[in-house]
Structure formats: structure tokens, C-alpha cells
């Protein structure tokens, strides 16, 4: 994804004041990127956005589908962990803890949940969710 597209998404998704963390509907530009990706993949892709102010941390989030986290402004720490299946089955996967920076992307499978934290400057993270991977 080009630097121009990332800057455009960040500008469109930038609020005047950072509200408390909540997953919100992404800008039209980010939704267009998701639609085009969905066309390539042959399945719908949803786009939501986190606006994170300095010091904020998101609640633990579990979309229940494969996802990609894409910072388009700033950076933050991502803590991902596998969660048990609905039937109490085995937990597969290794916890992840890494710093996500502008232009990087992190794929997390459907059986993972995540938290975004350690925000040192205003941060915007797009969450792309793939529809064909429901648990």
C-alpha cells in the first residue's frame, strides 16, 4: 500500500480530539481499500478503526475471524493471544507481543484476541476483518 494511501486514510480517520478507545466505522477511503481487497479475495472484508490517544489501551477484542491490523498513524504495542474454541477444545498458537509501526501489518487468525497499548503519540489502527473465516 502506498504511503499516499496511508496518509489519506489517516487524514480521513483523524478526529479533532481523540475519544476513548472504541472500534469505530472506518472512513470511506479505508472502506474502499477493504472493498477492493475483498474483490481480489472473493469475499467481503470489513474495515474498522481505532483512534488511540497517548496512554490509552483498547479493551481485549476478538472479532472471531481472521484479521489484519494496519497502523496508518503512529504506532502501538499489540498483545495477541489464542483463545479456546467454543467447545472448550485445545488452544492453538503462541501469544504475540510486538510494536506495530506505521506501514506495518499484523495478521491474527480467527481464534486470536488482541489488545492495543503503549501509545506514545496519537495512533490510528485500521482493523481489516475477513468474512470467510468464521469460527
Protein backbone atom coordinates (compact mmCIF):
# COMPACT_ATOMS: atom_id res chain seq x y z
CA UNK A 1 0.00 0.00 0.00
CA UNK A 2 1.45 3.33 -0.97
CA UNK A 3 2.47 6.00 1.52
CA UNK A 4 -0.03 8.37 -0.11
CA UNK A 5 -2.93 5.97 0.56
CA UNK A 6 -1.84 5.53 4.20
CA UNK A 7 -1.63 9.32 4.67
CA UNK A 8 -5.07 9.73 3.08
CA UNK A 9 -6.65 7.11 5.35
CA UNK A 10 -5.01 8.65 8.42
CA UNK A 11 -6.22 12.14 7.47
CA UNK A 12 -9.77 10.94 6.82
CA UNK A 13 -9.90 8.98 10.07
CA UNK A 14 -8.33 11.70 12.25
CA UNK A 15 -10.77 13.10 14.84
CA UNK A 16 -10.42 16.60 16.27
CA UNK A 17 -10.00 15.13 19.75
CA UNK A 18 -9.18 11.52 20.44
CA UNK A 19 -12.21 9.89 22.06
CA UNK A 20 -11.83 6.97 24.48
CA UNK A 21 -10.83 3.83 22.58
CA UNK A 22 -13.72 2.26 20.73
CA UNK A 23 -13.78 0.35 17.47
CA UNK A 24 -15.50 2.70 15.00
CA UNK A 25 -16.57 2.56 11.38
CA UNK A 26 -13.61 3.44 9.17
CA UNK A 27 -13.55 6.33 6.72
CA UNK A 28 -14.86 5.88 3.20
CA UNK A 29 -11.28 5.69 1.91
CA UNK A 30 -10.40 2.82 4.29
CA UNK A 31 -13.66 1.08 3.41
CA UNK A 32 -12.80 1.39 -0.28
CA UNK A 33 -9.43 -0.28 0.37
CA UNK A 34 -11.30 -3.09 2.19
CA UNK A 35 -13.80 -3.46 -0.69
CA UNK A 36 -11.01 -3.71 -3.25
CA UNK A 37 -9.17 -6.27 -1.15
CA UNK A 38 -12.43 -8.22 -0.82
CA UNK A 39 -12.81 -8.19 -4.61
CA UNK A 40 -9.33 -9.67 -5.01
CA UNK A 41 -10.01 -12.31 -2.32
CA UNK A 42 -13.54 -13.09 -3.48
CA UNK A 43 -15.06 -12.43 -0.05
CA UNK A 44 -16.17 -9.33 1.85
CA UNK A 45 -13.61 -7.55 4.03
CA UNK A 46 -14.75 -5.22 6.82
CA UNK A 47 -12.84 -2.12 7.91
CA UNK A 48 -13.00 -0.52 11.36
CA UNK A 49 -10.67 1.92 13.05
CA UNK A 50 -9.15 2.53 16.47
CA UNK A 51 -8.25 6.14 17.44
CA UNK A 52 -5.79 5.91 20.32
CA UNK A 53 -4.59 8.87 22.35
CA UNK A 54 -1.39 8.81 24.39
CA UNK A 55 -1.71 6.41 27.31
CA UNK A 56 -4.89 4.72 26.10
CA UNK A 57 -5.33 0.95 25.85
CA UNK A 58 -8.09 -0.88 23.99
CA UNK A 59 -10.30 -3.46 25.63
CA UNK A 60 -9.50 -7.04 24.62
CA UNK A 61 -11.02 -7.51 21.17
CA UNK A 62 -11.96 -10.79 19.48
CA UNK A 63 -13.58 -10.46 16.05
CA UNK A 64 -13.85 -14.26 15.68
CA UNK A 65 -12.49 -14.01 12.14
CA UNK A 66 -9.07 -13.68 10.54
CA UNK A 67 -7.91 -10.07 10.64
CA UNK A 68 -5.09 -7.71 9.78
CA UNK A 69 -4.16 -4.75 11.98
CA UNK A 70 -2.69 -1.87 9.99
CA UNK A 71 -1.38 1.29 11.69
CA UNK A 72 -1.87 4.33 9.46
CA UNK A 73 -0.70 6.91 12.01
CA UNK A 74 1.74 6.45 14.89
CA UNK A 75 2.43 3.11 16.50
CA UNK A 76 1.40 0.98 19.45
CA UNK A 77 2.07 -2.35 21.08
CA UNK A 78 -0.15 -5.26 20.09
CA UNK A 79 -0.70 -8.13 22.50
CA UNK A 80 -2.39 -11.05 20.81
CA UNK A 81 -3.24 -14.40 22.34
CA UNK A 82 -5.05 -17.53 21.26
CA UNK A 83 -8.37 -18.25 22.95
CA UNK A 84 -10.08 -21.63 23.43
CA UNK A 85 -12.62 -22.76 20.86
CA UNK A 86 -16.32 -22.55 21.81
CA UNK A 87 -16.48 -26.25 22.73
CA UNK A 88 -13.61 -25.91 25.21
CA UNK A 89 -11.15 -27.55 22.82
CA UNK A 90 -7.42 -27.09 22.71
CA UNK A 91 -5.80 -23.69 22.38
CA UNK A 92 -3.53 -23.48 19.33
CA UNK A 93 -0.97 -20.77 18.80
CA UNK A 94 1.62 -18.75 20.65
CA UNK A 95 0.93 -15.37 22.26
CA UNK A 96 2.27 -12.39 20.30
CA UNK A 97 3.60 -9.13 21.70
CA UNK A 98 5.15 -6.62 19.33
CA UNK A 99 5.33 -2.97 18.42
CA UNK A 100 3.24 -2.07 15.36
CA UNK A 101 4.53 0.94 13.45
CA UNK A 102 3.22 2.99 10.54
CA UNK A 103 3.13 0.95 7.35
CA UNK A 104 3.50 -2.43 9.07
CA UNK A 105 0.71 -5.00 9.28
CA UNK A 106 -0.06 -7.86 11.64
CA UNK A 107 -2.19 -10.86 10.69
CA UNK A 108 -4.03 -12.60 13.52
CA UNK A 109 -6.07 -15.78 12.92
CA UNK A 110 -9.74 -16.11 13.88
CA UNK A 111 -9.02 -17.80 17.20
CA UNK A 112 -6.92 -14.86 18.49
CA UNK A 113 -7.93 -11.84 20.55
CA UNK A 114 -5.83 -8.72 20.94
CA UNK A 115 -5.23 -5.54 22.92
CA UNK A 116 -3.52 -2.38 21.66
CA UNK A 117 -1.48 -0.46 24.25
CA UNK A 118 1.74 1.52 24.89
CA UNK A 119 0.59 4.51 22.82
CA UNK A 120 3.29 7.23 22.98
CA UNK A 121 1.81 9.53 20.30
CA UNK A 122 -1.68 9.67 18.76
CA UNK A 123 -2.25 6.45 16.84
CA UNK A 124 -4.77 5.22 14.28
CA UNK A 125 -5.04 1.48 13.56
CA UNK A 126 -7.29 0.02 10.87
CA UNK A 127 -8.72 -3.44 11.60
CA UNK A 128 -9.48 -5.40 8.42
CA UNK A 129 -11.68 -8.45 9.09
CA UNK A 130 -12.11 -11.28 6.57
CA UNK A 131 -15.67 -12.66 6.35
CA UNK A 132 -14.88 -16.16 5.17
CA UNK A 133 -13.15 -17.31 8.36
CA UNK A 134 -15.93 -17.53 10.96
CA UNK A 135 -15.34 -19.91 13.86
